[in-house]
Each structure stands twice: as structure tokens, then as C-alpha cells.
Amino acid sequence: MTNELVHPGWCARNYRCTVSRLDGRHRSAAVCFPAADGRPTTVVSLSQRPTERTPVVEVRLRIRLSSRDESRQAEQIRQLLDRLNAAVREMTG
């Protein structure tokens, strides 16, 4: 019998996968989606701990706000979070 580590097909393996060290998670290679100006603003990756049955998607966003006014920026952030929350609720049922 062997204790060989089994990686899911989507796992990045090598240094990106931390299942055998640090936080113990399988990690996929990150996928970056560029914004209209060409800079990456959305980074998506899968993550799964050995004790979990299904992976979790990690989404990191970097969004340039269009307003210089602080109160308008706060409103833009509120609207963004409301829409993200609605999307997450729709996807997770």
C-alpha cells in the first residue's frame, strides 16, 4: 500500500499546490481575465483541502472605480457587492 498524494485533474501540482505543506490545499493554476484596458483584473482559481469533498472557487477582483468622489466610490462598491452577492446566491441555489 502507498501513501502517494493524489491530485485532482485540475490541480496545478508543482509549487502552486500546497496540499503537502502550508495550508494543505490543492490549488489550480490561476486564470486571469483582462479588463477593457488590457490589465488583468479578475483572477480565478480552484482550491480544495484534502478533508473537503468539493473544490471552492476563489475569485479576486481588481476594479478601477470610475469616480473620484468618495461618496460615489462607496456607492459603486455597494452596487458591486450587491451584484456579486446576487450572482453567488444564484449559483449556489
PDB file of N, CA and C in Angstrom:
ATOM      1  N   MET A   1       0.844  -1.183   0.000  1.00  0.00           N
ATOM      2  CA  MET A   1       0.000   0.000   0.000  1.00  0.00           C
ATOM      3  C   MET A   1       0.887   1.243   0.000  1.00  0.00           C
ATOM      4  N   THR A   2       0.458   2.273  -0.740  1.00  0.00           N
ATOM      5  CA  THR A   2       1.243   3.502  -0.852  1.00  0.00           C
ATOM      6  C   THR A   2       0.458   4.695  -0.333  1.00  0.00           C
ATOM      7  N   ASN A   3       1.156   5.671   0.173  1.00  0.00           N
ATOM      8  CA  ASN A   3       0.541   6.916   0.628  1.00  0.00           C
ATOM      9  C   ASN A   3       0.757   8.025  -0.392  1.00  0.00           C
ATOM     10  N   GLU A   4       0.901   7.652  -1.656  1.00  0.00           N
ATOM     11  CA  GLU A   4       1.159   8.635  -2.697  1.00  0.00           C
ATOM     12  C   GLU A   4       0.029   9.656  -2.761  1.00  0.00           C
ATOM     13  N   LEU A   5       0.408  10.908  -2.910  1.00  0.00           N
ATOM     14  CA  LEU A   5      -0.545  12.006  -2.968  1.00  0.00           C
ATOM     15  C   LEU A   5      -1.277  11.985  -4.303  1.00  0.00           C
ATOM     16  N   VAL A   6      -2.591  12.037  -4.277  1.00  0.00           N
ATOM     17  CA  VAL A   6      -3.396  12.046  -5.496  1.00  0.00           C
ATOM     18  C   VAL A   6      -3.919  13.461  -5.713  1.00  0.00           C
ATOM     19  N   HIS A   7      -3.578  14.035  -6.858  1.00  0.00           N
ATOM     20  CA  HIS A   7      -4.025  15.383  -7.201  1.00  0.00           C
ATOM     21  C   HIS A   7      -5.242  15.299  -8.126  1.00  0.00           C
ATOM     22  N   PRO A   8      -6.244  16.164  -7.924  1.00  0.00           N
ATOM     23  CA  PRO A   8      -7.345  16.218  -8.901  1.00  0.00           C
ATOM     24  C   PRO A   8      -6.798  16.654 -10.264  1.00  0.00           C
ATOM     25  N   GLY A   9      -7.523  16.364 -11.323  1.00  0.00           N
ATOM     26  CA  GLY A   9      -7.070  16.708 -12.672  1.00  0.00           C
ATOM     27  C   GLY A   9      -6.796  18.183 -12.867  1.00  0.00           C
ATOM     28  N   TRP A  10      -7.511  19.043 -12.141  1.00  0.00           N
ATOM     29  CA  TRP A  10      -7.337  20.488 -12.311  1.00  0.00           C
ATOM     30  C   TRP A  10      -6.202  21.067 -11.475  1.00  0.00           C
ATOM     31  N   CYS A  11      -5.596  20.270 -10.608  1.00  0.00           N
ATOM     32  CA  CYS A  11      -4.561  20.770  -9.696  1.00  0.00           C
ATOM     33  C   CYS A  11      -3.316  21.198 -10.475  1.00  0.00           C
ATOM     34  N   ALA A  12      -2.730  22.333 -10.084  1.00  0.00           N
ATOM     35  CA  ALA A  12      -1.533  22.848 -10.752  1.00  0.00           C
ATOM     36  C   ALA A  12      -0.291  22.041 -10.396  1.00  0.00           C
ATOM     37  N   ARG A  13      -0.377  21.240  -9.329  1.00  0.00           N
ATOM     38  CA  ARG A  13       0.743  20.454  -8.825  1.00  0.00           C
ATOM     39  C   ARG A  13       1.913  21.376  -8.491  1.00  0.00           C
ATOM     40  N   ASN A  14       3.078  21.043  -8.816  1.00  0.00           N
ATOM     41  CA  ASN A  14       4.323  21.758  -8.514  1.00  0.00           C
ATOM     42  C   ASN A  14       4.185  22.704  -7.312  1.00  0.00           C
ATOM     43  N   TYR A  15       4.803  23.849  -7.358  1.00  0.00           N
ATOM     44  CA  TYR A  15       4.838  24.751  -6.202  1.00  0.00           C
ATOM     45  C   TYR A  15       3.498  25.408  -5.900  1.00  0.00           C
ATOM     46  N   ARG A  16       2.577  25.427  -6.861  1.00  0.00           N
ATOM     47  CA  ARG A  16       1.283  26.080  -6.626  1.00  0.00           C
ATOM     48  C   ARG A  16       0.390  25.269  -5.686  1.00  0.00           C
ATOM     49  N   CYS A  17       0.536  23.953  -5.734  1.00  0.00           N
ATOM     50  CA  CYS A  17      -0.278  23.087  -4.878  1.00  0.00           C
ATOM     51  C   CYS A  17       0.360  23.032  -3.498  1.00  0.00           C
ATOM     52  N   THR A  18      -0.420  23.302  -2.488  1.00  0.00           N
ATOM     53  CA  THR A  18       0.131  23.326  -1.128  1.00  0.00           C
ATOM     54  C   THR A  18      -0.415  22.186  -0.276  1.00  0.00           C
ATOM     55  N   VAL A  19      -0.943  21.143  -0.906  1.00  0.00           N
ATOM     56  CA  VAL A  19      -1.573  20.070  -0.146  1.00  0.00           C
ATOM     57  C   VAL A  19      -0.586  19.372   0.791  1.00  0.00           C
ATOM     58  N   SER A  20       0.680  19.336   0.436  1.00  0.00           N
ATOM     59  CA  SER A  20       1.652  18.660   1.285  1.00  0.00           C
ATOM     60  C   SER A  20       2.407  19.606   2.216  1.00  0.00           C
ATOM     61  N   ARG A  21       2.057  20.886   2.203  1.00  0.00           N
ATOM     62  CA  ARG A  21       2.710  21.861   3.070  1.00  0.00           C
ATOM     63  C   ARG A  21       1.765  23.043   3.317  1.00  0.00           C
ATOM     64  N   LEU A  22       2.186  23.982   4.081  1.00  0.00           N
ATOM     65  CA  LEU A  22       1.434  25.211   4.361  1.00  0.00           C
ATOM     66  C   LEU A  22      -0.009  24.920   4.773  1.00  0.00           C
ATOM     67  N   ASP A  23      -0.972  25.354   3.953  1.00  0.00           N
ATOM     68  CA  ASP A  23      -2.372  25.220   4.370  1.00  0.00           C
ATOM     69  C   ASP A  23      -3.031  23.930   3.911  1.00  0.00           C
ATOM     70  N   GLY A  24      -2.317  23.068   3.220  1.00  0.00           N
ATOM     71  CA  GLY A  24      -2.839  21.766   2.838  1.00  0.00           C
ATOM     72  C   GLY A  24      -3.910  21.769   1.780  1.00  0.00           C
ATOM     73  N   ARG A  25      -3.865  22.703   0.855  1.00  0.00           N
ATOM     74  CA  ARG A  25      -4.881  22.781  -0.198  1.00  0.00           C
ATOM     75  C   ARG A  25      -4.292  22.440  -1.559  1.00  0.00           C
ATOM     76  N   HIS A  26      -5.091  21.735  -2.354  1.00  0.00           N
ATOM     77  CA  HIS A  26      -4.783  21.643  -3.776  1.00  0.00           C
ATOM     78  C   HIS A  26      -5.134  23.008  -4.358  1.00  0.00           C
ATOM     79  N   ARG A  27      -4.350  23.479  -5.295  1.00  0.00           N
ATOM     80  CA  ARG A  27      -4.653  24.748  -5.963  1.00  0.00           C
ATOM     81  C   ARG A  27      -4.468  24.570  -7.463  1.00  0.00           C
ATOM     82  N   SER A  28      -5.361  25.192  -8.197  1.00  0.00           N
ATOM     83  CA  SER A  28      -5.225  25.183  -9.651  1.00  0.00           C
ATOM     84  C   SER A  28      -4.328  26.336 -10.075  1.00  0.00           C
ATOM     85  N   ALA A  29      -3.913  26.299 -11.307  1.00  0.00           N
ATOM     86  CA  ALA A  29      -3.230  27.464 -11.865  1.00  0.00           C
ATOM     87  C   ALA A  29      -4.259  28.582 -11.942  1.00  0.00           C
ATOM     88  N   ALA A  30      -3.842  29.795 -11.677  1.00  0.00           N
ATOM     89  CA  ALA A  30      -4.755  30.932 -11.734  1.00  0.00           C
ATOM     90  C   ALA A  30      -5.056  31.281 -13.183  1.00  0.00           C
ATOM     91  N   VAL A  31      -6.281  31.688 -13.437  1.00  0.00           N
ATOM     92  CA  VAL A  31      -6.696  32.161 -14.751  1.00  0.00           C
ATOM     93  C   VAL A  31      -6.991  33.642 -14.597  1.00  0.00           C
ATOM     94  N   CYS A  32      -6.384  34.475 -15.439  1.00  0.00           N
ATOM     95  CA  CYS A  32      -6.592  35.923 -15.365  1.00  0.00           C
ATOM     96  C   CYS A  32      -7.434  36.381 -16.554  1.00  0.00           C
ATOM     97  N   PHE A  33      -8.410  37.217 -16.275  1.00  0.00           N
ATOM     98  CA  PHE A  33      -9.244  37.799 -17.313  1.00  0.00           C
ATOM     99  C   PHE A  33      -8.917  39.288 -17.403  1.00  0.00           C
ATOM    100  N   PRO A  34      -8.537  39.778 -18.591  1.00  0.00           N
ATOM    101  CA  PRO A  34      -8.157  41.182 -18.709  1.00  0.00           C
ATOM    102  C   PRO A  34      -9.382  42.106 -18.718  1.00  0.00           C
ATOM    103  N   ALA A  35      -9.151  43.314 -18.260  1.00  0.00           N
ATOM    104  CA  ALA A  35     -10.176  44.358 -18.303  1.00  0.00           C
ATOM    105  C   ALA A  35     -10.151  45.004 -19.681  1.00  0.00           C
ATOM    106  N   ALA A  36     -11.026  45.949 -19.885  1.00  0.00           N
ATOM    107  CA  ALA A  36     -11.092  46.639 -21.174  1.00  0.00           C
ATOM    108  C   ALA A  36      -9.769  47.317 -21.513  1.00  0.00           C
ATOM    109  N   ASP A  37      -9.035  47.763 -20.489  1.00  0.00           N
ATOM    110  CA  ASP A  37      -7.761  48.449 -20.747  1.00  0.00           C
ATOM    111  C   ASP A  37      -6.593  47.469 -20.875  1.00  0.00           C
ATOM    112  N   GLY A  38      -6.871  46.165 -20.836  1.00  0.00           N
ATOM    113  CA  GLY A  38      -5.847  45.156 -21.048  1.00  0.00           C
ATOM    114  C   GLY A  38      -5.148  44.655 -19.796  1.00  0.00           C
ATOM    115  N   ARG A  39      -5.341  45.325 -18.668  1.00  0.00           N
ATOM    116  CA  ARG A  39      -4.703  44.867 -17.433  1.00  0.00           C
ATOM    117  C   ARG A  39      -5.538  43.766 -16.795  1.00  0.00           C
ATOM    118  N   PRO A  40      -4.894  42.747 -16.186  1.00  0.00           N
ATOM    119  CA  PRO A  40      -5.682  41.694 -15.538  1.00  0.00           C
ATOM    120  C   PRO A  40      -6.420  42.244 -14.330  1.00  0.00           C
ATOM    121  N   THR A  41      -7.696  41.962 -14.262  1.00  0.00           N
ATOM    122  CA  THR A  41      -8.473  42.455 -13.134  1.00  0.00           C
ATOM    123  C   THR A  41      -9.191  41.348 -12.397  1.00  0.00           C
ATOM    124  N   THR A  42      -9.374  40.203 -13.017  1.00  0.00           N
ATOM    125  CA  THR A  42     -10.066  39.107 -12.362  1.00  0.00           C
ATOM    126  C   THR A  42      -9.175  37.875 -12.389  1.00  0.00           C
ATOM    127  N   VAL A  43      -8.921  37.320 -11.227  1.00  0.00           N
ATOM    128  CA  VAL A  43      -8.098  36.117 -11.123  1.00  0.00           C
ATOM    129  C   VAL A  43      -8.968  35.032 -10.503  1.00  0.00           C
ATOM    130  N   VAL A  44      -9.059  33.901 -11.170  1.00  0.00           N
ATOM    131  CA  VAL A  44      -9.904  32.798 -10.722  1.00  0.00           C
ATOM    132  C   VAL A  44      -9.042  31.563 -10.532  1.00  0.00           C
ATOM    133  N   SER A  45      -9.222  30.882  -9.412  1.00  0.00           N
ATOM    134  CA  SER A  45      -8.533  29.606  -9.207  1.00  0.00           C
ATOM    135  C   SER A  45      -9.408  28.699  -8.350  1.00  0.00           C
ATOM    136  N   LEU A  46      -9.164  27.411  -8.449  1.00  0.00           N
ATOM    137  CA  LEU A  46      -9.855  26.429  -7.620  1.00  0.00           C
ATOM    138  C   LEU A  46      -8.961  26.063  -6.457  1.00  0.00           C
ATOM    139  N   SER A  47      -9.587  25.748  -5.338  1.00  0.00           N
ATOM    140  CA  SER A  47      -8.852  25.362  -4.140  1.00  0.00           C
ATOM    141  C   SER A  47      -9.644  24.270  -3.442  1.00  0.00           C
ATOM    142  N   GLN A  48      -8.937  23.271  -2.915  1.00  0.00           N
ATOM    143  CA  GLN A  48      -9.613  22.194  -2.203  1.00  0.00           C
ATOM    144  C   GLN A  48      -8.701  21.613  -1.134  1.00  0.00           C
ATOM    145  N   ARG A  49      -9.205  21.539   0.086  1.00  0.00           N
ATOM    146  CA  ARG A  49      -8.478  20.883   1.165  1.00  0.00           C
ATOM    147  C   ARG A  49      -8.682  19.383   1.061  1.00  0.00           C
ATOM    148  N   PRO A  50      -7.729  18.607   1.529  1.00  0.00           N
ATOM    149  CA  PRO A  50      -7.873  17.143   1.467  1.00  0.00           C
ATOM    150  C   PRO A  50      -9.109  16.633   2.210  1.00  0.00           C
ATOM    151  N   THR A  51      -9.575  17.369   3.211  1.00  0.00           N
ATOM    152  CA  THR A  51     -10.730  16.934   4.004  1.00  0.00           C
ATOM    153  C   THR A  51     -12.063  17.344   3.390  1.00  0.00           C
ATOM    154  N   GLU A  52     -12.043  18.137   2.307  1.00  0.00           N
ATOM    155  CA  GLU A  52     -13.283  18.587   1.669  1.00  0.00           C
ATOM    156  C   GLU A  52     -13.570  17.724   0.445  1.00  0.00           C
ATOM    157  N   ARG A  53     -14.842  17.532   0.165  1.00  0.00           N
ATOM    158  CA  ARG A  53     -15.218  16.694  -0.976  1.00  0.00           C
ATOM    159  C   ARG A  53     -15.235  17.451  -2.289  1.00  0.00           C
ATOM    160  N   THR A  54     -15.499  18.738  -2.242  1.00  0.00           N
ATOM    161  CA  THR A  54     -15.600  19.517  -3.475  1.00  0.00           C
ATOM    162  C   THR A  54     -14.690  20.745  -3.408  1.00  0.00           C
ATOM    163  N   PRO A  55     -14.208  21.208  -4.563  1.00  0.00           N
ATOM    164  CA  PRO A  55     -13.357  22.392  -4.573  1.00  0.00           C
ATOM    165  C   PRO A  55     -14.157  23.675  -4.364  1.00  0.00           C
ATOM    166  N   VAL A  56     -13.439  24.711  -4.021  1.00  0.00           N
ATOM    167  CA  VAL A  56     -14.008  26.044  -3.836  1.00  0.00           C
ATOM    168  C   VAL A  56     -13.360  26.942  -4.877  1.00  0.00           C
ATOM    169  N   VAL A  57     -14.147  27.775  -5.519  1.00  0.00           N
ATOM    170  CA  VAL A  57     -13.572  28.716  -6.470  1.00  0.00           C
ATOM    171  C   VAL A  57     -13.189  29.993  -5.726  1.00  0.00           C
ATOM    172  N   GLU A  58     -11.993  30.472  -5.994  1.00  0.00           N
ATOM    173  CA  GLU A  58     -11.526  31.724  -5.417  1.00  0.00           C
ATOM    174  C   GLU A  58     -11.496  32.754  -6.533  1.00  0.00           C
ATOM    175  N   VAL A  59     -12.152  33.881  -6.313  1.00  0.00           N
ATOM    176  CA  VAL A  59     -12.200  34.945  -7.309  1.00  0.00           C
ATOM    177  C   VAL A  59     -11.655  36.211  -6.673  1.00  0.00           C
ATOM    178  N   ARG A  60     -10.623  36.752  -7.275  1.00  0.00           N
ATOM    179  CA  ARG A  60     -10.067  38.027  -6.807  1.00  0.00           C
ATOM    180  C   ARG A  60     -10.304  39.067  -7.888  1.00  0.00           C
ATOM    181  N   LEU A  61     -10.867  40.184  -7.506  1.00  0.00           N
ATOM    182  CA  LEU A  61     -11.172  41.258  -8.450  1.00  0.00           C
ATOM    183  C   LEU A  61     -10.353  42.496  -8.139  1.00  0.00           C
ATOM    184  N   ARG A  62      -9.910  43.137  -9.183  1.00  0.00           N
ATOM    185  CA  ARG A  62      -9.269  44.447  -9.043  1.00  0.00           C
ATOM    186  C   ARG A  62      -9.973  45.350 -10.031  1.00  0.00           C
ATOM    187  N   ILE A  63     -10.756  46.276  -9.511  1.00  0.00           N
ATOM    188  CA  ILE A  63     -11.595  47.120 -10.350  1.00  0.00           C
ATOM    189  C   ILE A  63     -11.261  48.577 -10.098  1.00  0.00           C
ATOM    190  N   ARG A  64     -10.992  49.290 -11.177  1.00  0.00           N
ATOM    191  CA  ARG A  64     -10.737  50.718 -11.060  1.00  0.00           C
ATOM    192  C   ARG A  64     -12.092  51.432 -11.003  1.00  0.00           C
ATOM    193  N   LEU A  65     -12.306  52.176  -9.938  1.00  0.00           N
ATOM    194  CA  LEU A  65     -13.552  52.913  -9.787  1.00  0.00           C
ATOM    195  C   LEU A  65     -13.554  54.103 -10.742  1.00  0.00           C
ATOM    196  N   SER A  66     -14.715  54.424 -11.270  1.00  0.00           N
ATOM    197  CA  SER A  66     -14.798  55.497 -12.268  1.00  0.00           C
ATOM    198  C   SER A  66     -14.938  56.875 -11.646  1.00  0.00           C
ATOM    199  N   SER A  67     -15.263  56.932 -10.378  1.00  0.00           N
ATOM    200  CA  SER A  67     -15.473  58.222  -9.722  1.00  0.00           C
ATOM    201  C   SER A  67     -14.290  58.598  -8.841  1.00  0.00           C
ATOM    202  N   ARG A  68     -14.051  59.889  -8.719  1.00  0.00           N
ATOM    203  CA  ARG A  68     -13.030  60.396  -7.796  1.00  0.00           C
ATOM    204  C   ARG A  68     -13.659  60.859  -6.490  1.00  0.00           C
ATOM    205  N   ASP A  69     -14.969  60.950  -6.487  1.00  0.00           N
ATOM    206  CA  ASP A  69     -15.712  61.385  -5.305  1.00  0.00           C
ATOM    207  C   ASP A  69     -15.891  60.204  -4.350  1.00  0.00           C
ATOM    208  N   GLU A  70     -15.508  60.376  -3.083  1.00  0.00           N
ATOM    209  CA  GLU A  70     -15.550  59.264  -2.129  1.00  0.00           C
ATOM    210  C   GLU A  70     -16.945  58.716  -1.907  1.00  0.00           C
ATOM    211  N   SER A  71     -17.942  59.572  -1.831  1.00  0.00           N
ATOM    212  CA  SER A  71     -19.306  59.068  -1.615  1.00  0.00           C
ATOM    213  C   SER A  71     -19.787  58.288  -2.834  1.00  0.00           C
ATOM    214  N   ARG A  72     -19.427  58.714  -4.026  1.00  0.00           N
ATOM    215  CA  ARG A  72     -19.797  57.979  -5.249  1.00  0.00           C
ATOM    216  C   ARG A  72     -19.024  56.664  -5.323  1.00  0.00           C
ATOM    217  N   GLN A  73     -17.759  56.663  -4.896  1.00  0.00           N
ATOM    218  CA  GLN A  73     -16.985  55.423  -4.866  1.00  0.00           C
ATOM    219  C   GLN A  73     -17.635  54.410  -3.925  1.00  0.00           C
ATOM    220  N   ALA A  74     -18.070  54.883  -2.765  1.00  0.00           N
ATOM    221  CA  ALA A  74     -18.740  53.994  -1.814  1.00  0.00           C
ATOM    222  C   ALA A  74     -20.006  53.414  -2.431  1.00  0.00           C
ATOM    223  N   GLU A  75     -20.734  54.210  -3.193  1.00  0.00           N
ATOM    224  CA  GLU A  75     -21.949  53.726  -3.864  1.00  0.00           C
ATOM    225  C   GLU A  75     -21.598  52.700  -4.938  1.00  0.00           C
ATOM    226  N   GLN A  76     -20.538  52.939  -5.693  1.00  0.00           N
ATOM    227  CA  GLN A  76     -20.106  51.968  -6.703  1.00  0.00           C
ATOM    228  C   GLN A  76     -19.739  50.641  -6.048  1.00  0.00           C
ATOM    229  N   ILE A  77     -19.033  50.690  -4.935  1.00  0.00           N
ATOM    230  CA  ILE A  77     -18.637  49.473  -4.224  1.00  0.00           C
ATOM    231  C   ILE A  77     -19.868  48.745  -3.697  1.00  0.00           C
ATOM    232  N   ARG A  78     -20.826  49.477  -3.135  1.00  0.00           N
ATOM    233  CA  ARG A  78     -22.055  48.863  -2.631  1.00  0.00           C
ATOM    234  C   ARG A  78     -22.803  48.148  -3.757  1.00  0.00           C
ATOM    235  N   GLN A  79     -22.920  48.824  -4.910  1.00  0.00           N
ATOM    236  CA  GLN A  79     -23.605  48.213  -6.050  1.00  0.00           C
ATOM    237  C   GLN A  79     -22.870  46.959  -6.528  1.00  0.00           C
ATOM    238  N   LEU A  80     -21.548  47.020  -6.573  1.00  0.00           N
ATOM    239  CA  LEU A  80     -20.758  45.862  -6.978  1.00  0.00           C
ATOM    240  C   LEU A  80     -20.983  44.689  -6.038  1.00  0.00           C
ATOM    241  N   LEU A  81     -20.920  44.956  -4.740  1.00  0.00           N
ATOM    242  CA  LEU A  81     -21.102  43.880  -3.760  1.00  0.00           C
ATOM    243  C   LEU A  81     -22.516  43.314  -3.803  1.00  0.00           C
ATOM    244  N   ASP A  82     -23.514  44.175  -4.006  1.00  0.00           N
ATOM    245  CA  ASP A  82     -24.895  43.691  -4.149  1.00  0.00           C
ATOM    246  C   ASP A  82     -25.017  42.741  -5.337  1.00  0.00           C
ATOM    247  N   ARG A  83     -24.420  43.110  -6.459  1.00  0.00           N
ATOM    248  CA  ARG A  83     -24.500  42.279  -7.665  1.00  0.00           C
ATOM    249  C   ARG A  83     -23.716  40.979  -7.502  1.00  0.00           C
ATOM    250  N   LEU A  84     -22.549  41.067  -6.873  1.00  0.00           N
ATOM    251  CA  LEU A  84     -21.769  39.850  -6.621  1.00  0.00           C
ATOM    252  C   LEU A  84     -22.527  38.904  -5.695  1.00  0.00           C
ATOM    253  N   ASN A  85     -23.115  39.449  -4.652  1.00  0.00           N
ATOM    254  CA  ASN A  85     -23.888  38.640  -3.724  1.00  0.00           C
ATOM    255  C   ASN A  85     -25.058  37.956  -4.433  1.00  0.00           C
ATOM    256  N   ALA A  86     -25.742  38.690  -5.300  1.00  0.00           N
ATOM    257  CA  ALA A  86     -26.858  38.108  -6.063  1.00  0.00           C
ATOM    258  C   ALA A  86     -26.367  36.992  -6.969  1.00  0.00           C
ATOM    259  N   ALA A  87     -25.215  37.179  -7.619  1.00  0.00           N
ATOM    260  CA  ALA A  87     -24.666  36.159  -8.504  1.00  0.00           C
ATOM    261  C   ALA A  87     -24.282  34.907  -7.726  1.00  0.00           C
ATOM    262  N   VAL A  88     -23.687  35.097  -6.549  1.00  0.00           N
ATOM    263  CA  VAL A  88     -23.291  33.953  -5.730  1.00  0.00           C
ATOM    264  C   VAL A  88     -24.533  33.197  -5.265  1.00  0.00           C
ATOM    265  N   ARG A  89     -25.565  33.913  -4.833  1.00  0.00           N
ATOM    266  CA  ARG A  89     -26.807  33.259  -4.405  1.00  0.00           C
ATOM    267  C   ARG A  89     -27.437  32.485  -5.555  1.00  0.00           C
ATOM    268  N   GLU A  90     -27.411  33.048  -6.744  1.00  0.00           N
ATOM    269  CA  GLU A  90     -27.986  32.368  -7.911  1.00  0.00           C
ATOM    270  C   GLU A  90     -27.214  31.087  -8.226  1.00  0.00           C
ATOM    271  N   MET A  91     -25.897  31.139  -8.133  1.00  0.00           N
ATOM    272  CA  MET A  91     -25.071  29.970  -8.464  1.00  0.00           C
ATOM    273  C   MET A  91     -25.147  28.876  -7.407  1.00  0.00           C
ATOM    274  N   THR A  92     -25.320  29.250  -6.159  1.00  0.00           N
ATOM    275  CA  THR A  92     -25.289  28.254  -5.083  1.00  0.00           C
ATOM    276  C   THR A  92     -26.678  27.811  -4.652  1.00  0.00           C
ATOM    277  N   GLY A  93     -27.694  28.401  -5.273  1.00  0.00           N
ATOM    278  CA  GLY A  93     -29.055  27.973  -5.008  1.00  0.00           C
ATOM    279  C   GLY A  93     -29.534  28.391  -3.683  1.00  0.00           C
TER     280      GLY A  93
END
